[in-house]
Amino acid sequence: MKITWIFLILAIVCALFSDKIDVAFKADQKLKRIILIFSGGILLVCVITIIAMNLN
């Protein structure tokens, strides 16, 4: 269960700093979109996993 929370926190941090990461790599907003999509997917999977674990 702890690993799920670690991934959840990492996804949130990456989403929050996606602008700064994009500027650092000079990717013209392309990397920001990829990071936000990836973080959203991780958030969705983690939330589903946490809900499924609590139902059992």
N, C-alpha and C. Protein backbone atom coordinates (compact mmCIF):
# COMPACT_ATOMS: atom_id res chain seq x y z
N MET A 1 0.82 -1.19 0.00
CA MET A 1 0.00 0.00 0.00
C MET A 1 0.86 1.26 0.00
N LYS A 2 2.03 1.21 0.66
CA LYS A 2 2.89 2.39 0.72
C LYS A 2 3.40 2.79 -0.66
N ILE A 3 3.70 1.80 -1.50
CA ILE A 3 4.23 2.11 -2.83
C ILE A 3 3.21 2.89 -3.66
N THR A 4 1.93 2.63 -3.45
CA THR A 4 0.89 3.36 -4.16
C THR A 4 0.92 4.84 -3.78
N TRP A 5 1.09 5.11 -2.50
CA TRP A 5 1.14 6.49 -2.04
C TRP A 5 2.39 7.21 -2.56
N ILE A 6 3.51 6.49 -2.66
CA ILE A 6 4.73 7.09 -3.20
C ILE A 6 4.52 7.50 -4.65
N PHE A 7 3.94 6.60 -5.46
CA PHE A 7 3.66 6.94 -6.86
C PHE A 7 2.67 8.09 -6.97
N LEU A 8 1.69 8.11 -6.08
CA LEU A 8 0.70 9.18 -6.08
C LEU A 8 1.35 10.53 -5.80
N ILE A 9 2.22 10.59 -4.82
CA ILE A 9 2.91 11.83 -4.48
C ILE A 9 3.86 12.25 -5.60
N LEU A 10 4.58 11.29 -6.18
CA LEU A 10 5.48 11.62 -7.29
C LEU A 10 4.73 12.16 -8.50
N ALA A 11 3.58 11.60 -8.79
CA ALA A 11 2.77 12.08 -9.92
C ALA A 11 2.30 13.51 -9.68
N ILE A 12 1.90 13.81 -8.46
CA ILE A 12 1.44 15.16 -8.14
C ILE A 12 2.60 16.15 -8.24
N VAL A 13 3.75 15.78 -7.73
CA VAL A 13 4.92 16.67 -7.79
C VAL A 13 5.34 16.91 -9.23
N CYS A 14 5.36 15.88 -10.04
CA CYS A 14 5.72 16.05 -11.45
C CYS A 14 4.72 16.96 -12.17
N ALA A 15 3.45 16.80 -11.86
CA ALA A 15 2.44 17.65 -12.49
C ALA A 15 2.60 19.11 -12.05
N LEU A 16 2.91 19.32 -10.79
CA LEU A 16 3.07 20.68 -10.29
C LEU A 16 4.28 21.39 -10.91
N PHE A 17 5.35 20.65 -11.15
CA PHE A 17 6.57 21.25 -11.67
C PHE A 17 6.76 21.01 -13.17
N SER A 18 5.71 20.64 -13.87
CA SER A 18 5.83 20.35 -15.30
C SER A 18 6.25 21.58 -16.10
N ASP A 19 5.82 22.77 -15.69
CA ASP A 19 6.24 24.00 -16.38
C ASP A 19 7.75 24.19 -16.28
N LYS A 20 8.28 24.04 -15.07
CA LYS A 20 9.71 24.25 -14.86
C LYS A 20 10.54 23.18 -15.57
N ILE A 21 10.05 21.95 -15.59
CA ILE A 21 10.75 20.88 -16.30
C ILE A 21 10.77 21.16 -17.79
N ASP A 22 9.65 21.62 -18.32
CA ASP A 22 9.54 21.94 -19.74
C ASP A 22 10.49 23.07 -20.12
N VAL A 23 10.58 24.09 -19.29
CA VAL A 23 11.49 25.22 -19.55
C VAL A 23 12.94 24.75 -19.48
N ALA A 24 13.26 23.90 -18.52
CA ALA A 24 14.64 23.43 -18.37
C ALA A 24 15.11 22.64 -19.59
N PHE A 25 14.22 21.88 -20.20
CA PHE A 25 14.58 21.09 -21.38
C PHE A 25 14.28 21.80 -22.70
N LYS A 26 13.70 23.01 -22.61
CA LYS A 26 13.37 23.82 -23.80
C LYS A 26 12.57 23.01 -24.82
N ALA A 27 11.48 22.44 -24.36
CA ALA A 27 10.68 21.54 -25.20
C ALA A 27 9.45 22.19 -25.80
N ASP A 28 9.25 23.49 -25.63
CA ASP A 28 8.13 24.21 -26.22
C ASP A 28 6.77 23.60 -25.89
N GLN A 29 6.51 23.35 -24.64
CA GLN A 29 5.24 22.84 -24.12
C GLN A 29 4.93 21.40 -24.51
N LYS A 30 5.76 20.75 -25.30
CA LYS A 30 5.49 19.35 -25.67
C LYS A 30 5.73 18.43 -24.49
N LEU A 31 6.83 18.64 -23.79
CA LEU A 31 7.15 17.80 -22.64
C LEU A 31 6.15 18.01 -21.51
N LYS A 32 5.67 19.24 -21.36
CA LYS A 32 4.68 19.53 -20.33
C LYS A 32 3.41 18.71 -20.54
N ARG A 33 2.95 18.63 -21.79
CA ARG A 33 1.75 17.84 -22.08
C ARG A 33 1.97 16.37 -21.78
N ILE A 34 3.13 15.86 -22.15
CA ILE A 34 3.44 14.45 -21.90
C ILE A 34 3.49 14.17 -20.40
N ILE A 35 4.12 15.06 -19.64
CA ILE A 35 4.21 14.88 -18.19
C ILE A 35 2.82 14.93 -17.56
N LEU A 36 1.99 15.86 -18.00
CA LEU A 36 0.64 15.97 -17.43
C LEU A 36 -0.22 14.76 -17.76
N ILE A 37 -0.11 14.24 -18.98
CA ILE A 37 -0.87 13.04 -19.35
C ILE A 37 -0.40 11.84 -18.55
N PHE A 38 0.92 11.69 -18.44
CA PHE A 38 1.49 10.58 -17.69
C PHE A 38 1.10 10.67 -16.21
N SER A 39 1.19 11.87 -15.63
CA SER A 39 0.82 12.06 -14.22
C SER A 39 -0.66 11.78 -14.00
N GLY A 40 -1.50 12.22 -14.93
CA GLY A 40 -2.93 11.95 -14.83
C GLY A 40 -3.23 10.45 -14.86
N GLY A 41 -2.54 9.73 -15.72
CA GLY A 41 -2.72 8.29 -15.79
C GLY A 41 -2.29 7.60 -14.51
N ILE A 42 -1.16 8.02 -13.97
CA ILE A 42 -0.67 7.43 -12.70
C ILE A 42 -1.66 7.75 -11.57
N LEU A 43 -2.16 8.98 -11.54
CA LEU A 43 -3.15 9.34 -10.51
C LEU A 43 -4.39 8.47 -10.61
N LEU A 44 -4.87 8.26 -11.83
CA LEU A 44 -6.06 7.45 -12.03
C LEU A 44 -5.83 6.00 -11.58
N VAL A 45 -4.71 5.43 -11.96
CA VAL A 45 -4.41 4.04 -11.57
C VAL A 45 -4.27 3.93 -10.06
N CYS A 46 -3.58 4.88 -9.43
CA CYS A 46 -3.39 4.84 -7.98
C CYS A 46 -4.72 4.98 -7.23
N VAL A 47 -5.57 5.87 -7.69
CA VAL A 47 -6.87 6.06 -7.03
C VAL A 47 -7.71 4.81 -7.16
N ILE A 48 -7.73 4.20 -8.33
CA ILE A 48 -8.49 2.96 -8.53
C ILE A 48 -7.93 1.85 -7.63
N THR A 49 -6.60 1.77 -7.52
CA THR A 49 -5.98 0.75 -6.68
C THR A 49 -6.32 0.97 -5.21
N ILE A 50 -6.25 2.19 -4.76
CA ILE A 50 -6.57 2.49 -3.35
C ILE A 50 -8.03 2.18 -3.06
N ILE A 51 -8.93 2.54 -3.96
CA ILE A 51 -10.36 2.24 -3.75
C ILE A 51 -10.59 0.73 -3.74
N ALA A 52 -9.96 0.02 -4.66
CA ALA A 52 -10.14 -1.44 -4.74
C ALA A 52 -9.59 -2.13 -3.48
N MET A 53 -8.50 -1.64 -2.94
CA MET A 53 -7.93 -2.24 -1.73
C MET A 53 -8.82 -1.99 -0.52
N ASN A 54 -9.47 -0.84 -0.49
CA ASN A 54 -10.32 -0.52 0.65
C ASN A 54 -11.67 -1.24 0.60
N LEU A 55 -12.08 -1.68 -0.57
CA LEU A 55 -13.36 -2.41 -0.68
C LEU A 55 -13.25 -3.84 -0.18
N ASN A 56 -12.06 -4.41 -0.25
CA ASN A 56 -11.89 -5.81 0.17
C ASN A 56 -11.71 -5.92 1.62
